[in-house]
C-alpha atoms as a PDB file:
ATOM      1  CA  MET A   1     -20.539 -11.573   4.606  1.00  0.00           C
ATOM      2  CA  ARG A   2     -22.955 -13.417   2.511  1.00  0.00           C
ATOM      3  CA  GLY A   3     -22.986 -17.039   1.295  1.00  0.00           C
ATOM      4  CA  ASN A   4     -21.362 -19.959   3.354  1.00  0.00           C
ATOM      5  CA  LEU A   5     -17.821 -19.570   4.733  1.00  0.00           C
ATOM      6  CA  GLU A   6     -16.151 -22.569   3.176  1.00  0.00           C
ATOM      7  CA  LYS A   7     -13.163 -22.342   1.033  1.00  0.00           C
ATOM      8  CA  ARG A   8     -13.584 -21.086  -2.488  1.00  0.00           C
ATOM      9  CA  GLU A   9     -11.078 -20.396  -4.935  1.00  0.00           C
ATOM     10  CA  PRO A  10     -11.767 -17.028  -6.943  1.00  0.00           C
ATOM     11  CA  PRO A  11     -11.163 -16.748 -10.693  1.00  0.00           C
ATOM     12  CA  ALA A  12      -7.735 -17.232 -11.677  1.00  0.00           C
ATOM     13  CA  PRO A  13      -6.187 -13.570 -11.961  1.00  0.00           C
ATOM     14  CA  PHE A  14      -4.046 -14.855 -14.951  1.00  0.00           C
ATOM     15  CA  TRP A  15      -3.346 -11.658 -16.952  1.00  0.00           C
ATOM     16  CA  GLY A  16      -2.975  -9.537 -13.700  1.00  0.00           C
ATOM     17  CA  ALA A  17      -0.084 -12.096 -12.604  1.00  0.00           C
ATOM     18  CA  VAL A  18       1.485 -11.769 -16.231  1.00  0.00           C
ATOM     19  CA  LEU A  19       1.353  -7.925 -15.954  1.00  0.00           C
ATOM     20  CA  ALA A  20       2.650  -7.838 -12.447  1.00  0.00           C
ATOM     21  CA  PHE A  21       5.520 -10.239 -13.627  1.00  0.00           C
ATOM     22  CA  LEU A  22       6.540  -7.932 -16.575  1.00  0.00           C
ATOM     23  CA  LEU A  23       6.465  -4.868 -14.253  1.00  0.00           C
ATOM     24  CA  VAL A  24       8.626  -6.233 -11.696  1.00  0.00           C
ATOM     25  CA  GLY A  25      10.842  -7.714 -14.410  1.00  0.00           C
ATOM     26  CA  GLY A  26      11.050  -4.225 -16.260  1.00  0.00           C
ATOM     27  CA  LEU A  27      12.150  -2.722 -12.833  1.00  0.00           C
ATOM     28  CA  LEU A  28      14.747  -5.248 -12.527  1.00  0.00           C
ATOM     29  CA  LEU A  29      16.278  -4.606 -15.915  1.00  0.00           C
ATOM     30  CA  LEU A  30      16.097  -0.978 -15.028  1.00  0.00           C
ATOM     31  CA  MET A  31      17.879  -1.246 -12.095  1.00  0.00           C
ATOM     32  CA  LEU A  32      20.645  -3.612 -13.839  1.00  0.00           C
ATOM     33  CA  LEU A  33      20.840  -1.050 -16.911  1.00  0.00           C
ATOM     34  CA  CYS A  34      21.488   2.008 -14.418  1.00  0.00           C
ATOM     35  CA  GLY A  35      24.461  -0.484 -12.383  1.00  0.00           C
ATOM     36  CA  TRP A  36      25.819  -1.348 -16.118  1.00  0.00           C
ATOM     37  CA  LEU A  37      26.004   2.387 -17.156  1.00  0.00           C
ATOM     38  CA  TYR A  38      27.664   3.355 -13.909  1.00  0.00           C
ATOM     39  CA  ALA A  39      30.186   0.788 -13.692  1.00  0.00           C
ATOM     40  CA  GLY A  40      29.745  -2.053 -16.504  1.00  0.00           C
ATOM     41  CA  THR A  41      29.276  -5.420 -15.605  1.00  0.00           C
ATOM     42  CA  ALA A  42      30.541  -5.239 -12.231  1.00  0.00           C
ATOM     43  CA  GLY A  43      28.350  -2.478 -11.298  1.00  0.00           C
ATOM     44  CA  ALA A  44      25.481  -4.771 -12.395  1.00  0.00           C
ATOM     45  CA  VAL A  45      26.805  -7.445 -10.204  1.00  0.00           C
ATOM     46  CA  ILE A  46      27.315  -5.414  -7.315  1.00  0.00           C
ATOM     47  CA  THR A  47      23.614  -3.986  -7.683  1.00  0.00           C
ATOM     48  CA  THR A  48      21.960  -7.056  -7.710  1.00  0.00           C
ATOM     49  CA  VAL A  49      24.128  -8.303  -4.420  1.00  0.00           C
ATOM     50  CA  LEU A  50      23.389  -5.045  -2.661  1.00  0.00           C
ATOM     51  CA  GLY A  51      19.551  -5.224  -3.522  1.00  0.00           C
ATOM     52  CA  ALA A  52      19.512  -9.020  -2.211  1.00  0.00           C
ATOM     53  CA  ILE A  53      21.092  -7.961   0.913  1.00  0.00           C
ATOM     54  CA  ALA A  54      18.572  -5.031   1.223  1.00  0.00           C
ATOM     55  CA  LEU A  55      15.758  -7.405   0.928  1.00  0.00           C
ATOM     56  CA  MET A  56      17.160  -9.839   3.433  1.00  0.00           C
ATOM     57  CA  LEU A  57      17.415  -7.204   5.905  1.00  0.00           C
ATOM     58  CA  VAL A  58      13.990  -5.796   5.370  1.00  0.00           C
ATOM     59  CA  ARG A  59      12.667  -9.159   5.848  1.00  0.00           C
ATOM     60  CA  LYS A  60      14.487  -9.528   9.103  1.00  0.00           C
ATOM     61  CA  VAL A  61      12.792  -6.461  10.724  1.00  0.00           C
ATOM     62  CA  SER A  62       9.569  -7.710  12.868  1.00  0.00           C
ATOM     63  CA  PRO A  63       6.553  -5.805  11.676  1.00  0.00           C
ATOM     64  CA  GLN A  64       5.162  -6.309  15.156  1.00  0.00           C
ATOM     65  CA  PHE A  65       8.091  -4.251  16.658  1.00  0.00           C
ATOM     66  CA  VAL A  66       7.474  -1.444  14.272  1.00  0.00           C
ATOM     67  CA  LEU A  67       3.783  -1.477  14.986  1.00  0.00           C
ATOM     68  CA  LEU A  68       4.406  -1.091  18.748  1.00  0.00           C
ATOM     69  CA  MET A  69       6.939   1.638  18.177  1.00  0.00           C
ATOM     70  CA  SER A  70       4.128   3.495  16.331  1.00  0.00           C
ATOM     71  CA  GLY A  71       1.788   2.956  19.007  1.00  0.00           C
ATOM     72  CA  ALA A  72      -0.235   0.271  17.827  1.00  0.00           C
ATOM     73  CA  ARG A  73      -1.734  -2.564  20.164  1.00  0.00           C
ATOM     74  CA  LEU A  74      -1.943  -6.414  19.385  1.00  0.00           C
ATOM     75  CA  ILE A  75      -5.608  -7.253  19.671  1.00  0.00           C
ATOM     76  CA  ASP A  76      -6.527 -10.303  21.701  1.00  0.00           C
ATOM     77  CA  PRO A  77      -9.237 -12.545  20.467  1.00  0.00           C
ATOM     78  CA  LYS A  78     -11.058 -11.846  23.852  1.00  0.00           C
ATOM     79  CA  ASP A  79     -10.992  -8.234  23.108  1.00  0.00           C
ATOM     80  CA  MET A  80     -12.834  -8.212  19.723  1.00  0.00           C
ATOM     81  CA  PRO A  81     -14.262 -11.683  19.312  1.00  0.00           C
ATOM     82  CA  ALA A  82     -16.543 -10.418  16.525  1.00  0.00           C
ATOM     83  CA  LEU A  83     -13.541  -9.032  14.514  1.00  0.00           C
ATOM     84  CA  PHE A  84     -11.397 -12.148  14.908  1.00  0.00           C
ATOM     85  CA  ALA A  85     -14.595 -14.210  13.503  1.00  0.00           C
ATOM     86  CA  ILE A  86     -14.670 -12.325  10.358  1.00  0.00           C
ATOM     87  CA  VAL A  87     -11.142 -12.692   9.741  1.00  0.00           C
ATOM     88  CA  ALA A  88     -10.923 -16.508  10.585  1.00  0.00           C
ATOM     89  CA  ALA A  89     -13.941 -17.047   8.156  1.00  0.00           C
ATOM     90  CA  LEU A  90     -12.218 -14.949   5.386  1.00  0.00           C
ATOM     91  CA  CYS A  91      -8.916 -16.789   6.016  1.00  0.00           C
ATOM     92  CA  ARG A  92     -10.640 -20.065   5.728  1.00  0.00           C
ATOM     93  CA  ARG A  93     -12.283 -19.184   2.355  1.00  0.00           C
ATOM     94  CA  ALA A  94      -9.062 -17.430   1.068  1.00  0.00           C
ATOM     95  CA  GLY A  95      -7.044 -20.957   1.979  1.00  0.00           C
ATOM     96  CA  ILE A  96      -4.779 -19.205   4.868  1.00  0.00           C
ATOM     97  CA  ALA A  97      -3.811 -21.695   7.287  1.00  0.00           C
ATOM     98  CA  GLN A  98      -2.715 -19.524   9.796  1.00  0.00           C
ATOM     99  CA  VAL A  99      -4.816 -16.352  10.785  1.00  0.00           C
ATOM    100  CA  PRO A 100      -2.588 -13.020  10.625  1.00  0.00           C
ATOM    101  CA  SER A 101      -2.264 -11.163  13.762  1.00  0.00           C
ATOM    102  CA  LEU A 102      -4.431  -7.918  14.414  1.00  0.00           C
ATOM    103  CA  TYR A 103      -3.159  -4.844  15.723  1.00  0.00           C
ATOM    104  CA  PHE A 104      -5.293  -1.921  16.832  1.00  0.00           C
ATOM    105  CA  LEU A 105      -4.079   1.631  15.735  1.00  0.00           C
ATOM    106  CA  PRO A 106      -5.365   4.702  17.940  1.00  0.00           C
ATOM    107  CA  SER A 107      -5.821   7.079  14.925  1.00  0.00           C
ATOM    108  CA  GLY A 108      -8.970   9.053  14.076  1.00  0.00           C
ATOM    109  CA  VAL A 109      -7.894   8.397  10.284  1.00  0.00           C
ATOM    110  CA  PRO A 110      -9.871   5.511   9.085  1.00  0.00           C
ATOM    111  CA  THR A 111      -7.342   3.254   7.615  1.00  0.00           C
ATOM    112  CA  ALA A 112      -6.550  -0.517   7.172  1.00  0.00           C
ATOM    113  CA  PHE A 113      -3.177  -2.238   5.900  1.00  0.00           C
ATOM    114  CA  ALA A 114      -1.414  -5.476   5.788  1.00  0.00           C
ATOM    115  CA  THR A 115       2.194  -5.806   6.644  1.00  0.00           C
ATOM    116  CA  GLY A 116       4.625  -8.639   7.138  1.00  0.00           C
ATOM    117  CA  VAL A 117       5.347 -11.762   5.122  1.00  0.00           C
ATOM    118  CA  GLY A 118       4.544 -15.135   6.083  1.00  0.00           C
ATOM    119  CA  ASP A 119       4.345 -16.150   9.403  1.00  0.00           C
ATOM    120  CA  GLN A 120       4.756 -12.589  10.452  1.00  0.00           C
ATOM    121  CA  SER A 121       1.629 -11.323   8.500  1.00  0.00           C
ATOM    122  CA  VAL A 122      -0.339  -8.560  10.374  1.00  0.00           C
ATOM    123  CA  ILE A 123      -3.345  -6.714   9.627  1.00  0.00           C
ATOM    124  CA  VAL A 124      -4.080  -3.295  11.202  1.00  0.00           C
ATOM    125  CA  VAL A 125      -7.122  -1.499  11.638  1.00  0.00           C
ATOM    126  CA  SER A 126      -7.739   2.067  13.111  1.00  0.00           C
ATOM    127  CA  SER A 127     -10.227   2.883  15.758  1.00  0.00           C
ATOM    128  CA  GLY A 128     -11.389   5.421  13.095  1.00  0.00           C
ATOM    129  CA  LEU A 129     -12.129   2.806  10.751  1.00  0.00           C
ATOM    130  CA  LEU A 130     -13.926   0.640  13.434  1.00  0.00           C
ATOM    131  CA  ARG A 131     -15.916   3.559  14.241  1.00  0.00           C
ATOM    132  CA  LEU A 132     -16.906   4.564  10.651  1.00  0.00           C
ATOM    133  CA  LEU A 133     -17.817   1.269   9.238  1.00  0.00           C
ATOM    134  CA  MET A 134     -20.769  -1.087   9.877  1.00  0.00           C
ATOM    135  CA  THR A 135     -19.773  -4.973  10.016  1.00  0.00           C
ATOM    136  CA  ARG A 136     -20.765  -5.597   6.398  1.00  0.00           C
ATOM    137  CA  GLU A 137     -18.444  -2.695   5.006  1.00  0.00           C
ATOM    138  CA  LEU A 138     -15.576  -3.727   7.380  1.00  0.00           C
ATOM    139  CA  THR A 139     -15.710  -7.234   6.147  1.00  0.00           C
ATOM    140  CA  GLY A 140     -15.151  -6.293   2.685  1.00  0.00           C
ATOM    141  CA  VAL A 141     -12.133  -3.998   3.994  1.00  0.00           C
ATOM    142  CA  LEU A 142     -10.818  -7.033   5.708  1.00  0.00           C
ATOM    143  CA  ALA A 143     -11.197  -9.268   2.871  1.00  0.00           C
ATOM    144  CA  HIS A 144      -9.218  -6.699   0.623  1.00  0.00           C
ATOM    145  CA  GLU A 145      -6.454  -7.129   3.309  1.00  0.00           C
ATOM    146  CA  ILE A 146      -6.319 -10.775   3.391  1.00  0.00           C
ATOM    147  CA  THR A 147      -6.132 -10.905  -0.327  1.00  0.00           C
ATOM    148  CA  HIS A 148      -3.037  -8.914  -0.029  1.00  0.00           C
ATOM    149  CA  ILE A 149      -1.585 -11.498   2.135  1.00  0.00           C
ATOM    150  CA  ALA A 150      -2.917 -14.541   0.272  1.00  0.00           C
ATOM    151  CA  LYS A 151      -1.544 -13.167  -2.887  1.00  0.00           C
ATOM    152  CA  HIS A 152       1.963 -12.411  -1.501  1.00  0.00           C
ATOM    153  CA  ASP A 153       1.325  -8.756  -2.491  1.00  0.00           C
ATOM    154  CA  VAL A 154       3.263  -7.331   0.613  1.00  0.00           C
ATOM    155  CA  GLY A 155       6.423  -9.436  -0.329  1.00  0.00           C
ATOM    156  CA  LEU A 156       5.912  -8.441  -4.090  1.00  0.00           C
ATOM    157  CA  MET A 157       5.853  -4.631  -3.024  1.00  0.00           C
ATOM    158  CA  GLN A 158       8.890  -5.047  -0.645  1.00  0.00           C
ATOM    159  CA  LEU A 159      10.896  -6.379  -3.570  1.00  0.00           C
ATOM    160  CA  ALA A 160       9.546  -3.863  -6.073  1.00  0.00           C
ATOM    161  CA  GLY A 161      10.221  -1.045  -3.318  1.00  0.00           C
ATOM    162  CA  ILE A 162      13.814  -2.041  -2.765  1.00  0.00           C
ATOM    163  CA  VAL A 163      14.752  -2.539  -6.599  1.00  0.00           C
ATOM    164  CA  GLY A 164      13.139   0.937  -7.222  1.00  0.00           C
ATOM    165  CA  GLN A 165      14.999   2.588  -4.331  1.00  0.00           C
ATOM    166  CA  MET A 166      18.265   0.744  -5.679  1.00  0.00           C
ATOM    167  CA  THR A 167      17.663   2.343  -9.202  1.00  0.00           C
ATOM    168  CA  ARG A 168      17.042   5.806  -7.714  1.00  0.00           C
ATOM    169  CA  VAL A 169      20.222   5.915  -5.728  1.00  0.00           C
ATOM    170  CA  ILE A 170      22.511   4.388  -8.458  1.00  0.00           C
ATOM    171  CA  ALA A 171      21.180   6.854 -11.102  1.00  0.00           C
ATOM    172  CA  GLN A 172      21.518   9.814  -8.840  1.00  0.00           C
ATOM    173  CA  VAL A 173      24.927   8.850  -7.958  1.00  0.00           C
ATOM    174  CA  ALA A 174      26.047   8.171 -11.243  1.00  0.00           C
ATOM    175  CA  VAL A 175      24.629  11.525 -12.492  1.00  0.00           C
ATOM    176  CA  ILE A 176      26.437  13.478  -9.646  1.00  0.00           C
ATOM    177  CA  ILE A 177      29.678  11.923 -10.572  1.00  0.00           C
ATOM    178  CA  ALA A 178      29.123  12.638 -14.360  1.00  0.00           C
ATOM    179  CA  ILE A 179      28.394  16.180 -13.577  1.00  0.00           C
ATOM    180  CA  ALA A 180      31.876  16.325 -11.360  1.00  0.00           C
ATOM    181  CA  THR A 181      33.512  14.686 -14.336  1.00  0.00           C
ATOM    182  CA  TRP A 182      32.275  17.196 -16.787  1.00  0.00           C
ATOM    183  CA  LEU A 183      33.255  20.061 -14.650  1.00  0.00           C
ATOM    184  CA  LEU A 184      36.871  18.418 -14.155  1.00  0.00           C
ATOM    185  CA  ASP A 185      36.847  17.763 -18.228  1.00  0.00           C
ATOM    186  CA  ILE A 186      36.657  21.818 -18.670  1.00  0.00           C
ATOM    187  CA  PHE A 187      39.859  21.976 -17.276  1.00  0.00           C
ATOM    188  CA  GLY A 188      41.391  19.231 -19.217  1.00  0.00           C
ATOM    189  CA  SER A 189      41.649  16.432 -16.366  1.00  0.00           C
ATOM    190  CA  GLY A 190      38.353  14.517 -16.957  1.00  0.00           C
ATOM    191  CA  GLU A 191      36.295  12.207 -19.355  1.00  0.00           C
ATOM    192  CA  GLY A 192      32.620  12.992 -19.713  1.00  0.00           C
ATOM    193  CA  MET A 193      29.959  10.223 -19.745  1.00  0.00           C
ATOM    194  CA  ASP A 194      28.159   9.555 -22.930  1.00  0.00           C
ATOM    195  CA  GLY A 195      25.188  12.018 -23.458  1.00  0.00           C
ATOM    196  CA  LEU A 196      22.887   9.176 -24.015  1.00  0.00           C
ATOM    197  CA  ALA A 197      23.854   7.154 -21.263  1.00  0.00           C
ATOM    198  CA  LEU A 198      23.530  10.162 -18.762  1.00  0.00           C
ATOM    199  CA  GLY A 199      19.926  10.834 -20.340  1.00  0.00           C
ATOM    200  CA  VAL A 200      18.985   7.231 -19.367  1.00  0.00           C
ATOM    201  CA  LEU A 201      20.118   7.847 -15.996  1.00  0.00           C
ATOM    202  CA  VAL A 202      18.398  10.980 -15.429  1.00  0.00           C
ATOM    203  CA  ALA A 203      15.002   9.481 -16.671  1.00  0.00           C
ATOM    204  CA  ALA A 204      15.582   6.320 -14.566  1.00  0.00           C
ATOM    205  CA  PRO A 205      14.090   7.490 -11.181  1.00  0.00           C
ATOM    206  CA  ILE A 206      11.073   8.667 -12.958  1.00  0.00           C
ATOM    207  CA  ALA A 207      10.705   5.453 -14.874  1.00  0.00           C
ATOM    208  CA  ALA A 208      11.100   3.604 -11.627  1.00  0.00           C
ATOM    209  CA  ASN A 209       8.323   5.796  -9.855  1.00  0.00           C
ATOM    210  CA  LEU A 210       5.842   5.088 -12.835  1.00  0.00           C
ATOM    211  CA  ILE A 211       6.592   1.264 -12.843  1.00  0.00           C
ATOM    212  CA  LEU A 212       6.003   1.214  -8.942  1.00  0.00           C
ATOM    213  CA  GLY A 213       2.667   3.313  -9.114  1.00  0.00           C
ATOM    214  CA  ALA A 214       1.491   1.013 -11.944  1.00  0.00           C
ATOM    215  CA  LEU A 215       2.305  -2.093 -10.082  1.00  0.00           C
ATOM    216  CA  SER A 216       0.698  -0.870  -6.796  1.00  0.00           C
ATOM    217  CA  ARG A 217      -2.524   0.267  -8.814  1.00  0.00           C
ATOM    218  CA  LEU A 218      -2.664  -3.090 -10.501  1.00  0.00           C
ATOM    219  CA  ARG A 219      -2.734  -5.159  -7.294  1.00  0.00           C
ATOM    220  CA  GLU A 220      -5.199  -2.899  -5.575  1.00  0.00           C
ATOM    221  CA  TYR A 221      -7.546  -3.599  -8.485  1.00  0.00           C
ATOM    222  CA  GLN A 222      -7.025  -7.270  -8.107  1.00  0.00           C
ATOM    223  CA  ALA A 223      -7.366  -7.319  -4.410  1.00  0.00           C
ATOM    224  CA  ASP A 224     -10.818  -5.737  -4.912  1.00  0.00           C
ATOM    225  CA  LEU A 225     -11.806  -8.420  -7.359  1.00  0.00           C
ATOM    226  CA  GLU A 226     -10.313 -11.188  -5.033  1.00  0.00           C
ATOM    227  CA  ALA A 227     -12.034  -9.688  -1.967  1.00  0.00           C
ATOM    228  CA  VAL A 228     -15.397  -9.879  -3.782  1.00  0.00           C
ATOM    229  CA  ALA A 229     -14.775 -13.247  -4.631  1.00  0.00           C
ATOM    230  CA  LEU A 230     -14.316 -14.020  -0.640  1.00  0.00           C
ATOM    231  CA  THR A 231     -17.433 -12.034   0.344  1.00  0.00           C
ATOM    232  CA  ASP A 232     -19.967 -12.257  -2.494  1.00  0.00           C
ATOM    233  CA  ASP A 233     -20.591  -8.460  -1.641  1.00  0.00           C
ATOM    234  CA  PRO A 234     -19.045  -5.948  -4.060  1.00  0.00           C
ATOM    235  CA  ALA A 235     -21.620  -3.478  -2.742  1.00  0.00           C
ATOM    236  CA  GLY A 236     -20.167  -3.667   0.886  1.00  0.00           C
ATOM    237  CA  LEU A 237     -16.832  -2.860  -0.270  1.00  0.00           C
ATOM    238  CA  ALA A 238     -17.926  -0.289  -2.641  1.00  0.00           C
ATOM    239  CA  ARG A 239     -19.749   1.644   0.396  1.00  0.00           C
ATOM    240  CA  ALA A 240     -16.712   1.261   2.454  1.00  0.00           C
ATOM    241  CA  ILE A 241     -14.482   2.926  -0.144  1.00  0.00           C
ATOM    242  CA  GLU A 242     -16.703   5.698  -0.432  1.00  0.00           C
ATOM    243  CA  LEU A 243     -17.042   6.226   3.273  1.00  0.00           C
ATOM    244  CA  ILE A 244     -13.356   6.141   3.966  1.00  0.00           C
ATOM    245  CA  GLY A 245     -12.900   8.482   1.146  1.00  0.00           C
ATOM    246  CA  MET A 246     -15.655  11.269   2.511  1.00  0.00           C
ATOM    247  CA  ALA A 247     -14.127  10.747   6.358  1.00  0.00           C
ATOM    248  CA  GLN A 248     -10.640  11.335   4.907  1.00  0.00           C
ATOM    249  CA  LYS A 249     -11.485  14.354   3.015  1.00  0.00           C
ATOM    250  CA  ARG A 250     -13.301  15.989   5.963  1.00  0.00           C
ATOM    251  CA  ILE A 251     -10.271  15.308   8.163  1.00  0.00           C
ATOM    252  CA  THR A 252      -8.193  16.916   5.644  1.00  0.00           C
ATOM    253  CA  SER A 253     -10.370  20.044   5.370  1.00  0.00           C
ATOM    254  CA  SER A 254     -10.093  20.216   9.036  1.00  0.00           C
ATOM    255  CA  VAL A 255      -6.388  20.144   9.323  1.00  0.00           C
ATOM    256  CA  PHE A 256      -5.922  22.373   6.369  1.00  0.00           C
ATOM    257  CA  PRO A 257      -8.987  24.695   6.319  1.00  0.00           C
ATOM    258  CA  GLY A 258      -9.269  26.654   2.985  1.00  0.00           C
ATOM    259  CA  ALA A 259      -6.653  24.618   1.222  1.00  0.00           C
ATOM    260  CA  VAL A 260      -6.433  24.593  -2.662  1.00  0.00           C
ATOM    261  CA  ARG A 261      -6.813  21.032  -4.094  1.00  0.00           C
ATOM    262  CA  ILE A 262      -4.485  19.994  -6.774  1.00  0.00           C
ATOM    263  CA  ARG A 263      -5.062  16.828  -8.479  1.00  0.00           C
ATOM    264  CA  LEU A 264      -2.225  14.792  -9.666  1.00  0.00           C
ATOM    265  CA  PRO A 265      -2.179  12.673 -12.883  1.00  0.00           C
ATOM    266  CA  ARG A 266      -3.115   9.152 -12.169  1.00  0.00           C
ATOM    267  CA  LEU A 267       0.229   8.037 -13.491  1.00  0.00           C
ATOM    268  CA  LEU A 268       1.768   9.602 -10.235  1.00  0.00           C
ATOM    269  CA  SER A 269      -0.597   7.781  -7.997  1.00  0.00           C
ATOM    270  CA  SER A 270       0.189   4.564  -6.105  1.00  0.00           C
ATOM    271  CA  HIS A 271      -3.664   3.987  -5.711  1.00  0.00           C
ATOM    272  CA  PRO A 272      -6.497   3.896  -8.160  1.00  0.00           C
ATOM    273  CA  ASP A 273      -9.059   6.474  -8.565  1.00  0.00           C
ATOM    274  CA  PRO A 274     -11.636   5.704  -5.737  1.00  0.00           C
ATOM    275  CA  LYS A 275     -14.328   6.591  -8.011  1.00  0.00           C
ATOM    276  CA  ASP A 276     -12.997   4.185 -10.551  1.00  0.00           C
ATOM    277  CA  ARG A 277     -12.804   1.368  -8.104  1.00  0.00           C
ATOM    278  CA  ILE A 278     -16.568   2.195  -6.789  1.00  0.00           C
ATOM    279  CA  ARG A 279     -17.804   1.966 -10.311  1.00  0.00           C
ATOM    280  CA  ARG A 280     -16.059  -1.379 -11.159  1.00  0.00           C
ATOM    281  CA  LEU A 281     -17.309  -2.849  -7.914  1.00  0.00           C
ATOM    282  CA  ARG A 282     -20.862  -1.964  -8.334  1.00  0.00           C
ATOM    283  CA  GLN A 283     -20.809  -2.953 -11.950  1.00  0.00           C
ATOM    284  CA  SER A 284     -19.918  -6.520 -10.859  1.00  0.00           C
ATOM    285  CA  ALA A 285     -22.930  -6.681  -8.590  1.00  0.00           C
ATOM    286  CA  ALA A 286     -25.948  -8.308 -10.042  1.00  0.00           C
ATOM    287  CA  GLU A 287     -28.192  -6.676  -7.843  1.00  0.00           C
ATOM    288  CA  GLU A 288     -27.600  -4.793  -4.386  1.00  0.00           C
ATOM    289  CA  GLY A 289     -27.716  -7.248  -1.385  1.00  0.00           C
ATOM    290  CA  PRO A 290     -29.531  -6.375   1.693  1.00  0.00           C
ATOM    291  CA  PRO A 291     -27.996  -3.854   4.021  1.00  0.00           C
ATOM    292  CA  GLY A 292     -26.898  -6.223   6.790  1.00  0.00           C
ATOM    293  CA  PRO A 293     -26.897  -5.769  10.649  1.00  0.00           C
ATOM    294  CA  ASP A 294     -26.828  -2.052  11.566  1.00  0.00           C
ATOM    295  CA  GLU A 295     -23.922  -2.501  13.631  1.00  0.00           C
ATOM    296  CA  ARG A 296     -20.116  -1.860  14.380  1.00  0.00           C
ATOM    297  CA  ILE A 297     -17.230  -3.789  15.806  1.00  0.00           C
ATOM    298  CA  ALA A 298     -17.312  -2.594  19.619  1.00  0.00           C
ATOM    299  CA  ILE A 299     -13.994  -1.056  20.998  1.00  0.00           C
ATOM    300  CA  PRO A 300     -13.184  -1.956  24.367  1.00  0.00           C
ATOM    301  CA  ASP A 301     -13.022   0.830  26.868  1.00  0.00           C
ATOM    302  CA  TYR A 302      -9.500   0.001  28.185  1.00  0.00           C
ATOM    303  CA  PHE A 303      -8.106   0.469  24.727  1.00  0.00           C
ATOM    304  CA  PRO A 304      -6.587   3.945  23.743  1.00  0.00           C
ATOM    305  CA  ASP A 305      -8.724   6.588  22.574  1.00  0.00           C
ATOM    306  CA  GLU A 306      -7.163   9.086  20.216  1.00  0.00           C
ATOM    307  CA  ARG A 307     -10.261  11.382  20.698  1.00  0.00           C
ATOM    308  CA  LYS A 308      -8.889  12.315  24.009  1.00  0.00           C
ATOM    309  CA  ARG A 309      -5.758  13.619  22.260  1.00  0.00           C
ATOM    310  CA  ARG A 310      -5.485  16.979  20.512  1.00  0.00           C
ATOM    311  CA  LEU A 311      -6.151  16.521  16.733  1.00  0.00           C
ATOM    312  CA  SER A 312      -2.898  17.882  15.876  1.00  0.00           C
ATOM    313  CA  ALA A 313      -1.219  15.035  17.611  1.00  0.00           C
ATOM    314  CA  SER A 314      -2.902  12.228  15.566  1.00  0.00           C
ATOM    315  CA  VAL A 315      -3.415  13.794  12.120  1.00  0.00           C
ATOM    316  CA  GLY A 316      -1.893  17.355  12.072  1.00  0.00           C
ATOM    317  CA  PRO A 317       1.090  18.349   9.760  1.00  0.00           C
ATOM    318  CA  ARG A 318       3.609  17.738  12.172  1.00  0.00           C
ATOM    319  CA  GLY A 319       1.964  14.664  13.480  1.00  0.00           C
ATOM    320  CA  ARG A 320       2.294  11.033  12.479  1.00  0.00           C
ATOM    321  CA  PHE A 321       0.131   9.648   9.654  1.00  0.00           C
ATOM    322  CA  PRO A 322      -0.589   5.795   9.895  1.00  0.00           C
ATOM    323  CA  PRO A 323       1.303   3.869   7.141  1.00  0.00           C
ATOM    324  CA  THR A 324      -0.404   3.697   3.702  1.00  0.00           C
ATOM    325  CA  GLY A 325      -2.397   0.564   3.220  1.00  0.00           C
ATOM    326  CA  TRP A 326      -5.223  -0.434   0.786  1.00  0.00           C
ATOM    327  CA  VAL A 327      -7.066   2.715   1.854  1.00  0.00           C
ATOM    328  CA  ASP A 328      -8.154   5.147  -0.868  1.00  0.00           C
ATOM    329  CA  ARG A 329      -6.435   8.305  -0.237  1.00  0.00           C
ATOM    330  CA  GLY A 330      -7.175   9.461  -3.858  1.00  0.00           C
ATOM    331  CA  ASP A 331      -4.956  11.839  -5.373  1.00  0.00           C
ATOM    332  CA  ASP A 332      -6.116  15.170  -3.959  1.00  0.00           C
ATOM    333  CA  ASN A 333      -3.002  16.740  -2.536  1.00  0.00           C
ATOM    334  CA  PHE A 334      -3.541  20.217  -0.479  1.00  0.00           C
ATOM    335  CA  ARG A 335      -1.524  23.149  -0.663  1.00  0.00           C
ATOM    336  CA  GLU A 336      -2.112  26.228   1.855  1.00  0.00           C
ATOM    337  CA  PRO A 337      -2.974  29.126  -0.067  1.00  0.00           C
ATOM    338  CA  ARG A 338      -0.206  31.944  -0.192  1.00  0.00           C
END
């Protein structure tokens, strides 16, 4: 990390906040519209109540419990003091009073993500990430995740995800009922739904997915900007994104040898193009800073080592992939050649 470690306010992301507000508002209106088309005013009210209940239930689930079930391990400050020192310094600069808990995920896939809201905020780093990145690059990744916590992105995406899921469920149920009603109408005992209303319900899940993707990409770009404000080192984060992308491609190629690469449109992606993120970060750097110390965060010998497991158990097609966080998975999907 470059510069002093005192708290410093980054540039106000006004237009990013406005756009995020508009996207979430549009998603809420789409959900209410689906409920209204399905059952009138009562349908819109019921949809809102069910969405609020679902959001409260999601908030009640402890992220620590889910992480422990997935094999993650709580990191004690005595285990990795250098890692805790970096996180504590970044939290001071971001204005976060309580340092989030840190968890270690024994996975060869280099990944990091933030989860939980408020006092339950958690940052998870994988063993693959710690072995891949130098301290300077890892600092950029951690700053990105701390930004997600400081700007309440986890709670925002929880809300957007629940609204999007409610929209999909209501639209799909309404379409099924409409089709059944039309089938009954053939025999003279049903009344079909208006064609325009049915078209809106059919398109609603697609629109919800597009809005969710746009919101996620927006928050990722903004988190990059805020992370640079915390570290004063855009080149470090850019290099981390580049290294993570290359490592994940190597892992995918080893799991699916000879696979055919399919590139999806950016509108269908939940993450920005890694190359675009790297370009933006490097353009924001006035000059390339010093490379920093050639060292990595040491993983204690008594921590679980995923390298002792079979590769298929950690990253195989039937194995468990770690939850998606900020990491650049890109939009390369792979299909086995027939």
